[in-house]
PDB file of all heavy atoms in Angstrom:
ATOM      1  N   SER A   1     -19.415  40.096 -61.420  1.00  0.00           N
ATOM      2  CA  SER A   1     -18.545  39.665 -62.504  1.00  0.00           C
ATOM      3  C   SER A   1     -19.325  39.653 -63.810  1.00  0.00           C
ATOM      4  O   SER A   1     -20.342  38.942 -63.924  1.00  0.00           O
ATOM      5  CB  SER A   1     -17.979  38.267 -62.222  1.00  0.00           C
ATOM      6  OG  SER A   1     -17.195  37.805 -63.307  1.00  0.00           O
ATOM      7  N   GLU A   2     -18.883  40.452 -64.769  1.00  0.00           N
ATOM      8  CA  GLU A   2     -19.509  40.489 -66.100  1.00  0.00           C
ATOM      9  C   GLU A   2     -21.025  40.709 -66.016  1.00  0.00           C
ATOM     10  O   GLU A   2     -21.802  40.102 -66.754  1.00  0.00           O
ATOM     11  CB  GLU A   2     -19.200  39.197 -66.868  1.00  0.00           C
ATOM     12  CG  GLU A   2     -17.726  38.902 -67.059  1.00  0.00           C
ATOM     13  CD  GLU A   2     -17.034  39.919 -67.963  1.00  0.00           C
ATOM     14  OE1 GLU A   2     -17.734  40.542 -68.800  1.00  0.00           O
ATOM     15  OE2 GLU A   2     -15.824  40.114 -67.821  1.00  0.00           O
ATOM     16  N   GLY A   3     -21.442  41.565 -65.107  1.00  0.00           N
ATOM     17  CA  GLY A   3     -22.860  41.884 -64.975  1.00  0.00           C
ATOM     18  C   GLY A   3     -23.648  40.951 -64.076  1.00  0.00           C
ATOM     19  O   GLY A   3     -24.795  41.242 -63.721  1.00  0.00           O
ATOM     20  N   TRP A   4     -23.047  39.821 -63.688  1.00  0.00           N
ATOM     21  CA  TRP A   4     -23.692  38.892 -62.758  1.00  0.00           C
ATOM     22  C   TRP A   4     -23.363  39.318 -61.335  1.00  0.00           C
ATOM     23  O   TRP A   4     -22.221  39.707 -61.035  1.00  0.00           O
ATOM     24  CB  TRP A   4     -23.222  37.467 -63.002  1.00  0.00           C
ATOM     25  CG  TRP A   4     -23.717  36.905 -64.310  1.00  0.00           C
ATOM     26  CD1 TRP A   4     -23.124  37.062 -65.531  1.00  0.00           C
ATOM     27  CD2 TRP A   4     -24.900  36.138 -64.516  1.00  0.00           C
ATOM     28  NE1 TRP A   4     -23.871  36.433 -66.496  1.00  0.00           N
ATOM     29  CE2 TRP A   4     -24.963  35.859 -65.897  1.00  0.00           C
ATOM     30  CE3 TRP A   4     -25.910  35.667 -63.682  1.00  0.00           C
ATOM     31  CZ2 TRP A   4     -26.007  35.116 -66.459  1.00  0.00           C
ATOM     32  CZ3 TRP A   4     -26.943  34.937 -64.232  1.00  0.00           C
ATOM     33  CH2 TRP A   4     -26.995  34.670 -65.598  1.00  0.00           C
ATOM     34  N   LYS A   5     -24.359  39.225 -60.446  1.00  0.00           N
ATOM     35  CA  LYS A   5     -24.183  39.696 -59.067  1.00  0.00           C
ATOM     36  C   LYS A   5     -24.559  38.599 -58.078  1.00  0.00           C
ATOM     37  O   LYS A   5     -25.642  38.020 -58.154  1.00  0.00           O
ATOM     38  CB  LYS A   5     -25.052  40.938 -58.822  1.00  0.00           C
ATOM     39  CG  LYS A   5     -24.656  42.133 -59.668  1.00  0.00           C
ATOM     40  CD  LYS A   5     -25.480  43.362 -59.328  1.00  0.00           C
ATOM     41  CE  LYS A   5     -25.005  44.567 -60.127  1.00  0.00           C
ATOM     42  NZ  LYS A   5     -25.725  45.814 -59.758  1.00  0.00           N
ATOM     43  N   LEU A   6     -23.640  38.369 -57.160  1.00  0.00           N
ATOM     44  CA  LEU A   6     -23.861  37.378 -56.109  1.00  0.00           C
ATOM     45  C   LEU A   6     -23.751  38.105 -54.769  1.00  0.00           C
ATOM     46  O   LEU A   6     -22.717  38.705 -54.458  1.00  0.00           O
ATOM     47  CB  LEU A   6     -22.794  36.284 -56.205  1.00  0.00           C
ATOM     48  CG  LEU A   6     -23.021  34.986 -55.447  1.00  0.00           C
ATOM     49  CD1 LEU A   6     -24.247  34.255 -55.970  1.00  0.00           C
ATOM     50  CD2 LEU A   6     -21.800  34.087 -55.581  1.00  0.00           C
ATOM     51  N   PHE A   7     -24.841  38.059 -53.997  1.00  0.00           N
ATOM     52  CA  PHE A   7     -24.868  38.724 -52.694  1.00  0.00           C
ATOM     53  C   PHE A   7     -24.792  37.659 -51.599  1.00  0.00           C
ATOM     54  O   PHE A   7     -25.278  36.538 -51.764  1.00  0.00           O
ATOM     55  CB  PHE A   7     -26.149  39.534 -52.529  1.00  0.00           C
ATOM     56  CG  PHE A   7     -26.282  40.651 -53.526  1.00  0.00           C
ATOM     57  CD1 PHE A   7     -26.883  40.434 -54.762  1.00  0.00           C
ATOM     58  CD2 PHE A   7     -25.803  41.918 -53.237  1.00  0.00           C
ATOM     59  CE1 PHE A   7     -27.005  41.450 -55.689  1.00  0.00           C
ATOM     60  CE2 PHE A   7     -25.922  42.950 -54.158  1.00  0.00           C
ATOM     61  CZ  PHE A   7     -26.521  42.721 -55.392  1.00  0.00           C
ATOM     62  N   VAL A   8     -24.165  38.022 -50.478  1.00  0.00           N
ATOM     63  CA  VAL A   8     -24.069  37.115 -49.332  1.00  0.00           C
ATOM     64  C   VAL A   8     -24.695  37.780 -48.116  1.00  0.00           C
ATOM     65  O   VAL A   8     -24.248  38.840 -47.680  1.00  0.00           O
ATOM     66  CB  VAL A   8     -22.610  36.718 -49.031  1.00  0.00           C
ATOM     67  CG1 VAL A   8     -22.568  35.741 -47.853  1.00  0.00           C
ATOM     68  CG2 VAL A   8     -21.950  36.092 -50.255  1.00  0.00           C
ATOM     69  N   ASP A   9     -25.749  37.155 -47.604  1.00  0.00           N
ATOM     70  CA  ASP A   9     -26.481  37.528 -46.386  1.00  0.00           C
ATOM     71  C   ASP A   9     -27.290  38.821 -46.551  1.00  0.00           C
ATOM     72  O   ASP A   9     -26.879  39.764 -47.232  1.00  0.00           O
ATOM     73  CB  ASP A   9     -25.542  37.650 -45.180  1.00  0.00           C
ATOM     74  CG  ASP A   9     -25.040  36.296 -44.704  1.00  0.00           C
ATOM     75  OD1 ASP A   9     -25.719  35.283 -44.966  1.00  0.00           O
ATOM     76  OD2 ASP A   9     -23.970  36.239 -44.069  1.00  0.00           O
ATOM     77  N   TYR A  10     -28.449  38.798 -45.903  1.00  0.00           N
ATOM     78  CA  TYR A  10     -29.303  39.983 -45.881  1.00  0.00           C
ATOM     79  C   TYR A  10     -30.160  39.906 -44.615  1.00  0.00           C
ATOM     80  O   TYR A  10     -31.294  39.455 -44.636  1.00  0.00           O
ATOM     81  CB  TYR A  10     -30.183  40.056 -47.142  1.00  0.00           C
ATOM     82  CG  TYR A  10     -30.781  41.421 -47.361  1.00  0.00           C
ATOM     83  CD1 TYR A  10     -29.973  42.481 -47.762  1.00  0.00           C
ATOM     84  CD2 TYR A  10     -32.126  41.661 -47.154  1.00  0.00           C
ATOM     85  CE1 TYR A  10     -30.502  43.746 -47.953  1.00  0.00           C
ATOM     86  CE2 TYR A  10     -32.667  42.929 -47.344  1.00  0.00           C
ATOM     87  CZ  TYR A  10     -31.849  43.963 -47.741  1.00  0.00           C
ATOM     88  OH  TYR A  10     -32.365  45.226 -47.925  1.00  0.00           O
ATOM     89  N   GLY A  11     -29.574  40.354 -43.512  1.00  0.00           N
ATOM     90  CA  GLY A  11     -30.243  40.228 -42.217  1.00  0.00           C
ATOM     91  C   GLY A  11     -30.514  41.562 -41.564  1.00  0.00           C
ATOM     92  O   GLY A  11     -30.233  42.633 -42.115  1.00  0.00           O
ATOM     93  N   GLU A  12     -31.062  41.477 -40.366  1.00  0.00           N
ATOM     94  CA  GLU A  12     -31.363  42.680 -39.611  1.00  0.00           C
ATOM     95  C   GLU A  12     -30.123  43.143 -38.851  1.00  0.00           C
ATOM     96  O   GLU A  12     -29.256  42.345 -38.497  1.00  0.00           O
ATOM     97  CB  GLU A  12     -32.508  42.414 -38.628  1.00  0.00           C
ATOM     98  CG  GLU A  12     -32.182  41.339 -37.592  1.00  0.00           C
ATOM     99  CD  GLU A  12     -33.398  40.935 -36.783  1.00  0.00           C
ATOM    100  OE1 GLU A  12     -34.464  41.512 -37.000  1.00  0.00           O
ATOM    101  OE2 GLU A  12     -33.267  40.037 -35.938  1.00  0.00           O
ATOM    102  N   GLN A  13     -30.036  44.416 -38.601  1.00  0.00           N
ATOM    103  CA  GLN A  13     -28.940  44.945 -37.797  1.00  0.00           C
ATOM    104  C   GLN A  13     -29.187  44.628 -36.330  1.00  0.00           C
ATOM    105  O   GLN A  13     -30.330  44.495 -35.881  1.00  0.00           O
ATOM    106  CB  GLN A  13     -28.817  46.447 -37.995  1.00  0.00           C
ATOM    107  CG  GLN A  13     -28.512  46.833 -39.441  1.00  0.00           C
ATOM    108  CD  GLN A  13     -28.142  48.289 -39.559  1.00  0.00           C
ATOM    109  OE1 GLN A  13     -26.982  48.633 -39.428  1.00  0.00           O
ATOM    110  NE2 GLN A  13     -29.121  49.142 -39.807  1.00  0.00           N
ATOM    111  N   LEU A  14     -28.102  44.506 -35.592  1.00  0.00           N
ATOM    112  CA  LEU A  14     -28.223  44.281 -34.163  1.00  0.00           C
ATOM    113  C   LEU A  14     -28.703  45.546 -33.479  1.00  0.00           C
ATOM    114  O   LEU A  14     -28.492  46.663 -33.969  1.00  0.00           O
ATOM    115  CB  LEU A  14     -26.872  43.843 -33.579  1.00  0.00           C
ATOM    116  CG  LEU A  14     -26.269  42.563 -34.168  1.00  0.00           C
ATOM    117  CD1 LEU A  14     -24.943  42.259 -33.490  1.00  0.00           C
ATOM    118  CD2 LEU A  14     -27.224  41.387 -34.018  1.00  0.00           C
ATOM    119  N   LEU A  15     -29.351  45.373 -32.318  1.00  0.00           N
ATOM    120  CA  LEU A  15     -29.829  46.529 -31.570  1.00  0.00           C
ATOM    121  C   LEU A  15     -28.670  47.463 -31.241  1.00  0.00           C
ATOM    122  O   LEU A  15     -27.602  47.031 -30.817  1.00  0.00           O
ATOM    123  CB  LEU A  15     -30.504  46.066 -30.276  1.00  0.00           C
ATOM    124  CG  LEU A  15     -31.845  45.345 -30.436  1.00  0.00           C
ATOM    125  CD1 LEU A  15     -32.292  44.776 -29.093  1.00  0.00           C
ATOM    126  CD2 LEU A  15     -32.897  46.298 -30.987  1.00  0.00           C
ATOM    127  N   GLY A  16     -28.895  48.737 -31.440  1.00  0.00           N
ATOM    128  CA  GLY A  16     -27.864  49.721 -31.136  1.00  0.00           C
ATOM    129  C   GLY A  16     -26.932  50.014 -32.290  1.00  0.00           C
ATOM    130  O   GLY A  16     -26.068  50.881 -32.177  1.00  0.00           O
ATOM    131  N   ALA A  17     -27.091  49.290 -33.424  1.00  0.00           N
ATOM    132  CA  ALA A  17     -26.238  49.550 -34.573  1.00  0.00           C
ATOM    133  C   ALA A  17     -26.573  50.905 -35.178  1.00  0.00           C
ATOM    134  O   ALA A  17     -27.702  51.380 -35.073  1.00  0.00           O
ATOM    135  CB  ALA A  17     -26.411  48.446 -35.618  1.00  0.00           C
ATOM    136  N   PRO A  18     -25.621  51.539 -35.844  1.00  0.00           N
ATOM    137  CA  PRO A  18     -25.907  52.842 -36.451  1.00  0.00           C
ATOM    138  C   PRO A  18     -26.928  52.712 -37.576  1.00  0.00           C
ATOM    139  O   PRO A  18     -26.990  51.712 -38.284  1.00  0.00           O
ATOM    140  CB  PRO A  18     -24.542  53.278 -36.997  1.00  0.00           C
ATOM    141  CG  PRO A  18     -23.765  52.008 -37.160  1.00  0.00           C
ATOM    142  CD  PRO A  18     -24.229  51.122 -36.049  1.00  0.00           C
ATOM    143  N   ALA A  19     -27.748  53.729 -37.732  1.00  0.00           N
ATOM    144  CA  ALA A  19     -28.740  53.805 -38.809  1.00  0.00           C
ATOM    145  C   ALA A  19     -29.613  52.555 -38.861  1.00  0.00           C
ATOM    146  O   ALA A  19     -29.875  51.999 -39.913  1.00  0.00           O
ATOM    147  CB  ALA A  19     -28.047  54.017 -40.155  1.00  0.00           C
ATOM    148  N   THR A  20     -30.079  52.125 -37.695  1.00  0.00           N
ATOM    149  CA  THR A  20     -30.852  50.890 -37.606  1.00  0.00           C
ATOM    150  C   THR A  20     -32.105  50.927 -38.466  1.00  0.00           C
ATOM    151  O   THR A  20     -32.523  49.917 -39.017  1.00  0.00           O
ATOM    152  CB  THR A  20     -31.243  50.626 -36.137  1.00  0.00           C
ATOM    153  OG1 THR A  20     -30.043  50.522 -35.365  1.00  0.00           O
ATOM    154  CG2 THR A  20     -32.017  49.338 -35.991  1.00  0.00           C
ATOM    155  N   ASP A  21     -32.720  52.109 -38.594  1.00  0.00           N
ATOM    156  CA  ASP A  21     -33.980  52.208 -39.321  1.00  0.00           C
ATOM    157  C   ASP A  21     -33.783  52.500 -40.808  1.00  0.00           C
ATOM    158  O   ASP A  21     -34.746  52.694 -41.541  1.00  0.00           O
ATOM    159  CB  ASP A  21     -34.865  53.277 -38.697  1.00  0.00           C
ATOM    160  CG  ASP A  21     -34.187  54.649 -38.682  1.00  0.00           C
ATOM    161  OD1 ASP A  21     -32.972  54.707 -38.959  1.00  0.00           O
ATOM    162  OD2 ASP A  21     -34.878  55.643 -38.398  1.00  0.00           O
ATOM    163  N   LYS A  22     -32.547  52.541 -41.253  1.00  0.00           N
ATOM    164  CA  LYS A  22     -32.267  52.854 -42.655  1.00  0.00           C
ATOM    165  C   LYS A  22     -32.349  51.587 -43.500  1.00  0.00           C
ATOM    166  O   LYS A  22     -31.619  50.630 -43.290  1.00  0.00           O
ATOM    167  CB  LYS A  22     -30.880  53.488 -42.799  1.00  0.00           C
ATOM    168  CG  LYS A  22     -30.552  53.893 -44.230  1.00  0.00           C
ATOM    169  CD  LYS A  22     -29.160  54.508 -44.304  1.00  0.00           C
ATOM    170  CE  LYS A  22     -28.805  54.898 -45.735  1.00  0.00           C
ATOM    171  NZ  LYS A  22     -27.437  55.460 -45.818  1.00  0.00           N
ATOM    172  N   LYS A  23     -33.233  51.594 -44.476  1.00  0.00           N
ATOM    173  CA  LYS A  23     -33.393  50.457 -45.369  1.00  0.00           C
ATOM    174  C   LYS A  23     -32.391  50.551 -46.508  1.00  0.00           C
ATOM    175  O   LYS A  23     -32.235  51.605 -47.129  1.00  0.00           O
ATOM    176  CB  LYS A  23     -34.825  50.422 -45.916  1.00  0.00           C
ATOM    177  CG  LYS A  23     -35.142  49.201 -46.755  1.00  0.00           C
ATOM    178  CD  LYS A  23     -36.604  49.202 -47.158  1.00  0.00           C
ATOM    179  CE  LYS A  23     -36.937  48.001 -48.034  1.00  0.00           C
ATOM    180  NZ  LYS A  23     -38.370  47.989 -48.429  1.00  0.00           N
ATOM    181  N   LEU A  24     -31.693  49.467 -46.770  1.00  0.00           N
ATOM    182  CA  LEU A  24     -30.702  49.469 -47.839  1.00  0.00           C
ATOM    183  C   LEU A  24     -31.388  49.533 -49.201  1.00  0.00           C
ATOM    184  O   LEU A  24     -32.434  48.920 -49.423  1.00  0.00           O
ATOM    185  CB  LEU A  24     -29.848  48.216 -47.765  1.00  0.00           C
ATOM    186  CG  LEU A  24     -28.808  48.143 -46.652  1.00  0.00           C
ATOM    187  CD1 LEU A  24     -28.092  46.807 -46.694  1.00  0.00           C
ATOM    188  CD2 LEU A  24     -27.793  49.271 -46.781  1.00  0.00           C
TER     189      LEU A  24
END
């Protein structure tokens, strides 16, 4: 909102999730 950014959660993917080794 208006250049301000609020993020919710930043965890690891569960085993078997797609692109597990891809860093955001």
